[in-house]
Amino acid sequence: MKDGKPVQLDLFSSLTEPKGPPPAPVLNGMYYEKATDKFVSFMLGKRHYEEPALGCKHPKEWQNRIKRERAI
């Protein structure tokens, strides 16, 4: 006590939280899954819909762009 007043000690001010690996990005949208050769839709990181690449009704330009830019 200093001057009759209690002194507040901050015992945790020097502690830092351990830094782990950054969280993986949450997938949203359509992706091309190489392992299964399917177009896969994700919503909030959860698999929602699958469509085989063979016989896919989407335009070829779209399929090629997704295969090139969003392959997982």
PDB file of N, CA and C in Angstrom:
ATOM      1  N   MET A   1       0.831  -1.177   0.000  1.00  0.00           N
ATOM      2  CA  MET A   1       0.000   0.000   0.000  1.00  0.00           C
ATOM      3  C   MET A   1       0.871   1.234   0.000  1.00  0.00           C
ATOM      4  N   LYS A   2       0.434   2.138  -0.825  1.00  0.00           N
ATOM      5  CA  LYS A   2       1.162   3.394  -0.916  1.00  0.00           C
ATOM      6  C   LYS A   2       0.196   4.519  -0.553  1.00  0.00           C
ATOM      7  N   ASP A   3       0.544   5.279   0.384  1.00  0.00           N
ATOM      8  CA  ASP A   3      -0.302   6.374   0.865  1.00  0.00           C
ATOM      9  C   ASP A   3      -1.680   5.881   1.285  1.00  0.00           C
ATOM     10  N   GLY A   4      -1.741   4.672   1.805  1.00  0.00           N
ATOM     11  CA  GLY A   4      -3.009   4.137   2.266  1.00  0.00           C
ATOM     12  C   GLY A   4      -3.899   3.601   1.152  1.00  0.00           C
ATOM     13  N   LYS A   5      -3.414   3.633  -0.107  1.00  0.00           N
ATOM     14  CA  LYS A   5      -4.209   3.140  -1.233  1.00  0.00           C
ATOM     15  C   LYS A   5      -3.600   1.835  -1.736  1.00  0.00           C
ATOM     16  N   PRO A   6      -4.425   0.857  -2.072  1.00  0.00           N
ATOM     17  CA  PRO A   6      -3.878  -0.402  -2.591  1.00  0.00           C
ATOM     18  C   PRO A   6      -3.249  -0.194  -3.973  1.00  0.00           C
ATOM     19  N   VAL A   7      -2.207  -0.974  -4.235  1.00  0.00           N
ATOM     20  CA  VAL A   7      -1.518  -0.904  -5.525  1.00  0.00           C
ATOM     21  C   VAL A   7      -1.997  -2.071  -6.379  1.00  0.00           C
ATOM     22  N   GLN A   8      -2.405  -1.761  -7.600  1.00  0.00           N
ATOM     23  CA  GLN A   8      -2.886  -2.801  -8.513  1.00  0.00           C
ATOM     24  C   GLN A   8      -1.700  -3.357  -9.294  1.00  0.00           C
ATOM     25  N   LEU A   9      -1.541  -4.677  -9.230  1.00  0.00           N
ATOM     26  CA  LEU A   9      -0.480  -5.333  -9.983  1.00  0.00           C
ATOM     27  C   LEU A   9      -1.086  -6.030 -11.196  1.00  0.00           C
ATOM     28  N   ASP A  10      -0.490  -5.811 -12.356  1.00  0.00           N
ATOM     29  CA  ASP A  10      -0.946  -6.489 -13.569  1.00  0.00           C
ATOM     30  C   ASP A  10       0.026  -7.627 -13.848  1.00  0.00           C
ATOM     31  N   LEU A  11      -0.358  -8.821 -13.409  1.00  0.00           N
ATOM     32  CA  LEU A  11       0.529  -9.976 -13.524  1.00  0.00           C
ATOM     33  C   LEU A  11       0.596 -10.535 -14.941  1.00  0.00           C
ATOM     34  N   PHE A  12      -0.339 -10.171 -15.775  1.00  0.00           N
ATOM     35  CA  PHE A  12      -0.404 -10.772 -17.105  1.00  0.00           C
ATOM     36  C   PHE A  12      -0.003  -9.818 -18.226  1.00  0.00           C
ATOM     37  N   SER A  13       0.461  -8.638 -17.911  1.00  0.00           N
ATOM     38  CA  SER A  13       0.775  -7.655 -18.947  1.00  0.00           C
ATOM     39  C   SER A  13       1.965  -8.069 -19.809  1.00  0.00           C
ATOM     40  N   SER A  14       2.882  -8.843 -19.254  1.00  0.00           N
ATOM     41  CA  SER A  14       4.065  -9.222 -20.030  1.00  0.00           C
ATOM     42  C   SER A  14       3.857 -10.505 -20.834  1.00  0.00           C
ATOM     43  N   LEU A  15       2.735 -11.179 -20.619  1.00  0.00           N
ATOM     44  CA  LEU A  15       2.474 -12.420 -21.346  1.00  0.00           C
ATOM     45  C   LEU A  15       1.909 -12.119 -22.729  1.00  0.00           C
ATOM     46  N   THR A  16       2.328 -12.904 -23.696  1.00  0.00           N
ATOM     47  CA  THR A  16       1.776 -12.790 -25.040  1.00  0.00           C
ATOM     48  C   THR A  16       1.141 -14.119 -25.411  1.00  0.00           C
ATOM     49  N   GLU A  17       0.125 -14.049 -26.238  1.00  0.00           N
ATOM     50  CA  GLU A  17      -0.534 -15.275 -26.665  1.00  0.00           C
ATOM     51  C   GLU A  17       0.364 -16.017 -27.646  1.00  0.00           C
ATOM     52  N   PRO A  18       0.421 -17.347 -27.531  1.00  0.00           N
ATOM     53  CA  PRO A  18       1.246 -18.103 -28.475  1.00  0.00           C
ATOM     54  C   PRO A  18       0.671 -17.975 -29.881  1.00  0.00           C
ATOM     55  N   LYS A  19       1.562 -17.807 -30.839  1.00  0.00           N
ATOM     56  CA  LYS A  19       1.134 -17.657 -32.224  1.00  0.00           C
ATOM     57  C   LYS A  19       1.247 -18.993 -32.927  1.00  0.00           C
ATOM     58  N   GLY A  20       0.140 -19.482 -33.399  1.00  0.00           N
ATOM     59  CA  GLY A  20       0.112 -20.725 -34.155  1.00  0.00           C
ATOM     60  C   GLY A  20       0.047 -20.407 -35.638  1.00  0.00           C
ATOM     61  N   PRO A  21      -0.134 -21.430 -36.434  1.00  0.00           N
ATOM     62  CA  PRO A  21      -0.251 -21.179 -37.867  1.00  0.00           C
ATOM     63  C   PRO A  21      -1.527 -20.391 -38.155  1.00  0.00           C
ATOM     64  N   PRO A  22      -1.515 -19.574 -39.191  1.00  0.00           N
ATOM     65  CA  PRO A  22      -2.726 -18.808 -39.506  1.00  0.00           C
ATOM     66  C   PRO A  22      -3.854 -19.748 -39.912  1.00  0.00           C
ATOM     67  N   PRO A  23      -5.078 -19.386 -39.626  1.00  0.00           N
ATOM     68  CA  PRO A  23      -6.194 -20.266 -39.984  1.00  0.00           C
ATOM     69  C   PRO A  23      -6.312 -20.409 -41.496  1.00  0.00           C
ATOM     70  N   ALA A  24      -6.752 -21.571 -41.918  1.00  0.00           N
ATOM     71  CA  ALA A  24      -6.924 -21.822 -43.349  1.00  0.00           C
ATOM     72  C   ALA A  24      -8.082 -20.974 -43.866  1.00  0.00           C
ATOM     73  N   PRO A  25      -7.977 -20.507 -45.095  1.00  0.00           N
ATOM     74  CA  PRO A  25      -9.077 -19.704 -45.631  1.00  0.00           C
ATOM     75  C   PRO A  25     -10.340 -20.547 -45.796  1.00  0.00           C
ATOM     76  N   VAL A  26     -11.473 -19.936 -45.566  1.00  0.00           N
ATOM     77  CA  VAL A  26     -12.753 -20.625 -45.718  1.00  0.00           C
ATOM     78  C   VAL A  26     -13.123 -20.601 -47.196  1.00  0.00           C
ATOM     79  N   LEU A  27     -13.418 -21.779 -47.739  1.00  0.00           N
ATOM     80  CA  LEU A  27     -13.757 -21.868 -49.153  1.00  0.00           C
ATOM     81  C   LEU A  27     -15.208 -21.468 -49.382  1.00  0.00           C
ATOM     82  N   ASN A  28     -15.421 -20.649 -50.390  1.00  0.00           N
ATOM     83  CA  ASN A  28     -16.754 -20.257 -50.841  1.00  0.00           C
ATOM     84  C   ASN A  28     -16.743 -20.240 -52.355  1.00  0.00           C
ATOM     85  N   GLY A  29     -17.743 -20.847 -52.972  1.00  0.00           N
ATOM     86  CA  GLY A  29     -17.853 -20.824 -54.426  1.00  0.00           C
ATOM     87  C   GLY A  29     -17.517 -22.163 -55.046  1.00  0.00           C
ATOM     88  N   MET A  30     -17.334 -22.147 -56.362  1.00  0.00           N
ATOM     89  CA  MET A  30     -17.039 -23.367 -57.118  1.00  0.00           C
ATOM     90  C   MET A  30     -15.533 -23.540 -57.264  1.00  0.00           C
ATOM     91  N   TYR A  31     -15.088 -24.769 -57.113  1.00  0.00           N
ATOM     92  CA  TYR A  31     -13.686 -25.134 -57.265  1.00  0.00           C
ATOM     93  C   TYR A  31     -13.610 -26.399 -58.104  1.00  0.00           C
ATOM     94  N   TYR A  32     -12.431 -26.629 -58.689  1.00  0.00           N
ATOM     95  CA  TYR A  32     -12.190 -27.875 -59.413  1.00  0.00           C
ATOM     96  C   TYR A  32     -11.323 -28.752 -58.526  1.00  0.00           C
ATOM     97  N   GLU A  33     -11.806 -29.933 -58.208  1.00  0.00           N
ATOM     98  CA  GLU A  33     -11.065 -30.865 -57.363  1.00  0.00           C
ATOM     99  C   GLU A  33     -10.327 -31.851 -58.265  1.00  0.00           C
ATOM    100  N   LYS A  34      -8.996 -31.725 -58.292  1.00  0.00           N
ATOM    101  CA  LYS A  34      -8.180 -32.552 -59.188  1.00  0.00           C
ATOM    102  C   LYS A  34      -8.291 -34.038 -58.873  1.00  0.00           C
ATOM    103  N   ALA A  35      -8.299 -34.386 -57.605  1.00  0.00           N
ATOM    104  CA  ALA A  35      -8.271 -35.796 -57.203  1.00  0.00           C
ATOM    105  C   ALA A  35      -9.495 -36.563 -57.701  1.00  0.00           C
ATOM    106  N   THR A  36     -10.647 -35.896 -57.750  1.00  0.00           N
ATOM    107  CA  THR A  36     -11.879 -36.582 -58.155  1.00  0.00           C
ATOM    108  C   THR A  36     -12.359 -36.179 -59.540  1.00  0.00           C
ATOM    109  N   ASP A  37     -11.702 -35.192 -60.166  1.00  0.00           N
ATOM    110  CA  ASP A  37     -12.095 -34.658 -61.474  1.00  0.00           C
ATOM    111  C   ASP A  37     -13.551 -34.179 -61.430  1.00  0.00           C
ATOM    112  N   LYS A  38     -13.856 -33.381 -60.370  1.00  0.00           N
ATOM    113  CA  LYS A  38     -15.209 -32.847 -60.205  1.00  0.00           C
ATOM    114  C   LYS A  38     -15.147 -31.356 -59.915  1.00  0.00           C
ATOM    115  N   PHE A  39     -16.218 -30.674 -60.302  1.00  0.00           N
ATOM    116  CA  PHE A  39     -16.425 -29.304 -59.870  1.00  0.00           C
ATOM    117  C   PHE A  39     -17.200 -29.388 -58.563  1.00  0.00           C
ATOM    118  N   VAL A  40     -16.696 -28.703 -57.537  1.00  0.00           N
ATOM    119  CA  VAL A  40     -17.263 -28.821 -56.197  1.00  0.00           C
ATOM    120  C   VAL A  40     -17.647 -27.432 -55.698  1.00  0.00           C
ATOM    121  N   SER A  41     -18.846 -27.337 -55.152  1.00  0.00           N
ATOM    122  CA  SER A  41     -19.326 -26.087 -54.582  1.00  0.00           C
ATOM    123  C   SER A  41     -19.117 -26.125 -53.067  1.00  0.00           C
ATOM    124  N   PHE A  42     -18.568 -25.029 -52.525  1.00  0.00           N
ATOM    125  CA  PHE A  42     -18.378 -24.896 -51.082  1.00  0.00           C
ATOM    126  C   PHE A  42     -19.149 -23.686 -50.585  1.00  0.00           C
ATOM    127  N   MET A  43     -19.768 -23.826 -49.420  1.00  0.00           N
ATOM    128  CA  MET A  43     -20.428 -22.712 -48.742  1.00  0.00           C
ATOM    129  C   MET A  43     -19.913 -22.667 -47.317  1.00  0.00           C
ATOM    130  N   LEU A  44     -19.300 -21.560 -46.955  1.00  0.00           N
ATOM    131  CA  LEU A  44     -18.726 -21.365 -45.623  1.00  0.00           C
ATOM    132  C   LEU A  44     -17.795 -22.505 -45.243  1.00  0.00           C
ATOM    133  N   GLY A  45     -17.028 -22.986 -46.213  1.00  0.00           N
ATOM    134  CA  GLY A  45     -16.038 -24.022 -45.961  1.00  0.00           C
ATOM    135  C   GLY A  45     -16.575 -25.434 -45.973  1.00  0.00           C
ATOM    136  N   LYS A  46     -17.870 -25.605 -46.181  1.00  0.00           N
ATOM    137  CA  LYS A  46     -18.460 -26.948 -46.196  1.00  0.00           C
ATOM    138  C   LYS A  46     -18.849 -27.325 -47.615  1.00  0.00           C
ATOM    139  N   ARG A  47     -18.551 -28.566 -47.951  1.00  0.00           N
ATOM    140  CA  ARG A  47     -18.867 -29.095 -49.276  1.00  0.00           C
ATOM    141  C   ARG A  47     -20.384 -29.119 -49.450  1.00  0.00           C
ATOM    142  N   HIS A  48     -20.852 -28.529 -50.549  1.00  0.00           N
ATOM    143  CA  HIS A  48     -22.293 -28.407 -50.739  1.00  0.00           C
ATOM    144  C   HIS A  48     -22.798 -29.228 -51.923  1.00  0.00           C
ATOM    145  N   TYR A  49     -22.099 -29.174 -53.053  1.00  0.00           N
ATOM    146  CA  TYR A  49     -22.597 -29.786 -54.274  1.00  0.00           C
ATOM    147  C   TYR A  49     -21.412 -30.240 -55.114  1.00  0.00           C
ATOM    148  N   GLU A  50     -21.564 -31.374 -55.801  1.00  0.00           N
ATOM    149  CA  GLU A  50     -20.519 -31.896 -56.690  1.00  0.00           C
ATOM    150  C   GLU A  50     -21.101 -32.106 -58.080  1.00  0.00           C
ATOM    151  N   GLU A  51     -20.270 -31.853 -59.083  1.00  0.00           N
ATOM    152  CA  GLU A  51     -20.672 -32.098 -60.461  1.00  0.00           C
ATOM    153  C   GLU A  51     -19.478 -32.682 -61.206  1.00  0.00           C
ATOM    154  N   PRO A  52     -19.618 -33.857 -61.814  1.00  0.00           N
ATOM    155  CA  PRO A  52     -18.495 -34.447 -62.549  1.00  0.00           C
ATOM    156  C   PRO A  52     -18.049 -33.532 -63.686  1.00  0.00           C
ATOM    157  N   ALA A  53     -16.746 -33.445 -63.908  1.00  0.00           N
ATOM    158  CA  ALA A  53     -16.226 -32.611 -64.989  1.00  0.00           C
ATOM    159  C   ALA A  53     -16.645 -33.166 -66.349  1.00  0.00           C
ATOM    160  N   LEU A  54     -16.692 -34.468 -66.450  1.00  0.00           N
ATOM    161  CA  LEU A  54     -17.122 -35.097 -67.698  1.00  0.00           C
ATOM    162  C   LEU A  54     -18.644 -34.981 -67.785  1.00  0.00           C
ATOM    163  N   GLY A  55     -19.122 -34.344 -68.824  1.00  0.00           N
ATOM    164  CA  GLY A  55     -20.558 -34.152 -68.972  1.00  0.00           C
ATOM    165  C   GLY A  55     -21.084 -32.908 -68.280  1.00  0.00           C
ATOM    166  N   CYS A  56     -20.196 -32.054 -67.815  1.00  0.00           N
ATOM    167  CA  CYS A  56     -20.596 -30.809 -67.157  1.00  0.00           C
ATOM    168  C   CYS A  56     -21.291 -29.904 -68.178  1.00  0.00           C
ATOM    169  N   LYS A  57     -22.408 -29.287 -67.778  1.00  0.00           N
ATOM    170  CA  LYS A  57     -23.197 -28.471 -68.696  1.00  0.00           C
ATOM    171  C   LYS A  57     -22.751 -27.010 -68.751  1.00  0.00           C
ATOM    172  N   HIS A  58     -21.806 -26.629 -67.927  1.00  0.00           N
ATOM    173  CA  HIS A  58     -21.310 -25.249 -67.951  1.00  0.00           C
ATOM    174  C   HIS A  58     -20.476 -25.033 -69.213  1.00  0.00           C
ATOM    175  N   PRO A  59     -20.364 -23.784 -69.680  1.00  0.00           N
ATOM    176  CA  PRO A  59     -19.563 -23.501 -70.884  1.00  0.00           C
ATOM    177  C   PRO A  59     -18.103 -23.926 -70.707  1.00  0.00           C
ATOM    178  N   LYS A  60     -17.484 -24.347 -71.807  1.00  0.00           N
ATOM    179  CA  LYS A  60     -16.083 -24.810 -71.778  1.00  0.00           C
ATOM    180  C   LYS A  60     -15.143 -23.722 -71.271  1.00  0.00           C
ATOM    181  N   GLU A  61     -15.400 -22.468 -71.644  1.00  0.00           N
ATOM    182  CA  GLU A  61     -14.528 -21.370 -71.184  1.00  0.00           C
ATOM    183  C   GLU A  61     -14.558 -21.284 -69.659  1.00  0.00           C
ATOM    184  N   TRP A  62     -15.751 -21.418 -69.084  1.00  0.00           N
ATOM    185  CA  TRP A  62     -15.894 -21.373 -67.631  1.00  0.00           C
ATOM    186  C   TRP A  62     -15.153 -22.542 -66.991  1.00  0.00           C
ATOM    187  N   GLN A  63     -15.342 -23.746 -67.536  1.00  0.00           N
ATOM    188  CA  GLN A  63     -14.682 -24.937 -66.991  1.00  0.00           C
ATOM    189  C   GLN A  63     -13.164 -24.766 -67.001  1.00  0.00           C
ATOM    190  N   ASN A  64     -12.627 -24.293 -68.127  1.00  0.00           N
ATOM    191  CA  ASN A  64     -11.171 -24.114 -68.233  1.00  0.00           C
ATOM    192  C   ASN A  64     -10.666 -23.059 -67.256  1.00  0.00           C
ATOM    193  N   ARG A  65     -11.424 -21.974 -67.089  1.00  0.00           N
ATOM    194  CA  ARG A  65     -11.008 -20.920 -66.155  1.00  0.00           C
ATOM    195  C   ARG A  65     -11.011 -21.436 -64.713  1.00  0.00           C
ATOM    196  N   ILE A  66     -12.055 -22.164 -64.324  1.00  0.00           N
ATOM    197  CA  ILE A  66     -12.128 -22.710 -62.962  1.00  0.00           C
ATOM    198  C   ILE A  66     -11.005 -23.723 -62.742  1.00  0.00           C
ATOM    199  N   LYS A  67     -10.739 -24.569 -63.726  1.00  0.00           N
ATOM    200  CA  LYS A  67      -9.650 -25.552 -63.602  1.00  0.00           C
ATOM    201  C   LYS A  67      -8.308 -24.860 -63.438  1.00  0.00           C
ATOM    202  N   ARG A  68      -8.129 -23.748 -64.121  1.00  0.00           N
ATOM    203  CA  ARG A  68      -6.853 -23.030 -64.077  1.00  0.00           C
ATOM    204  C   ARG A  68      -6.720 -22.190 -62.799  1.00  0.00           C
ATOM    205  N   GLU A  69      -7.779 -21.493 -62.412  1.00  0.00           N
ATOM    206  CA  GLU A  69      -7.686 -20.515 -61.326  1.00  0.00           C
ATOM    207  C   GLU A  69      -8.099 -21.039 -59.951  1.00  0.00           C
ATOM    208  N   ARG A  70      -8.972 -22.048 -59.909  1.00  0.00           N
ATOM    209  CA  ARG A  70      -9.524 -22.472 -58.618  1.00  0.00           C
ATOM    210  C   ARG A  70      -9.399 -23.971 -58.411  1.00  0.00           C
ATOM    211  N   ALA A  71      -8.260 -24.525 -58.766  1.00  0.00           N
ATOM    212  CA  ALA A  71      -8.031 -25.964 -58.573  1.00  0.00           C
ATOM    213  C   ALA A  71      -7.580 -26.223 -57.140  1.00  0.00           C
ATOM    214  N   ILE A  72      -8.142 -27.266 -56.550  1.00  0.00           N
ATOM    215  CA  ILE A  72      -7.733 -27.671 -55.198  1.00  0.00           C
ATOM    216  C   ILE A  72      -7.348 -29.128 -55.219  1.00  0.00           C
TER     217      ILE A  72
END
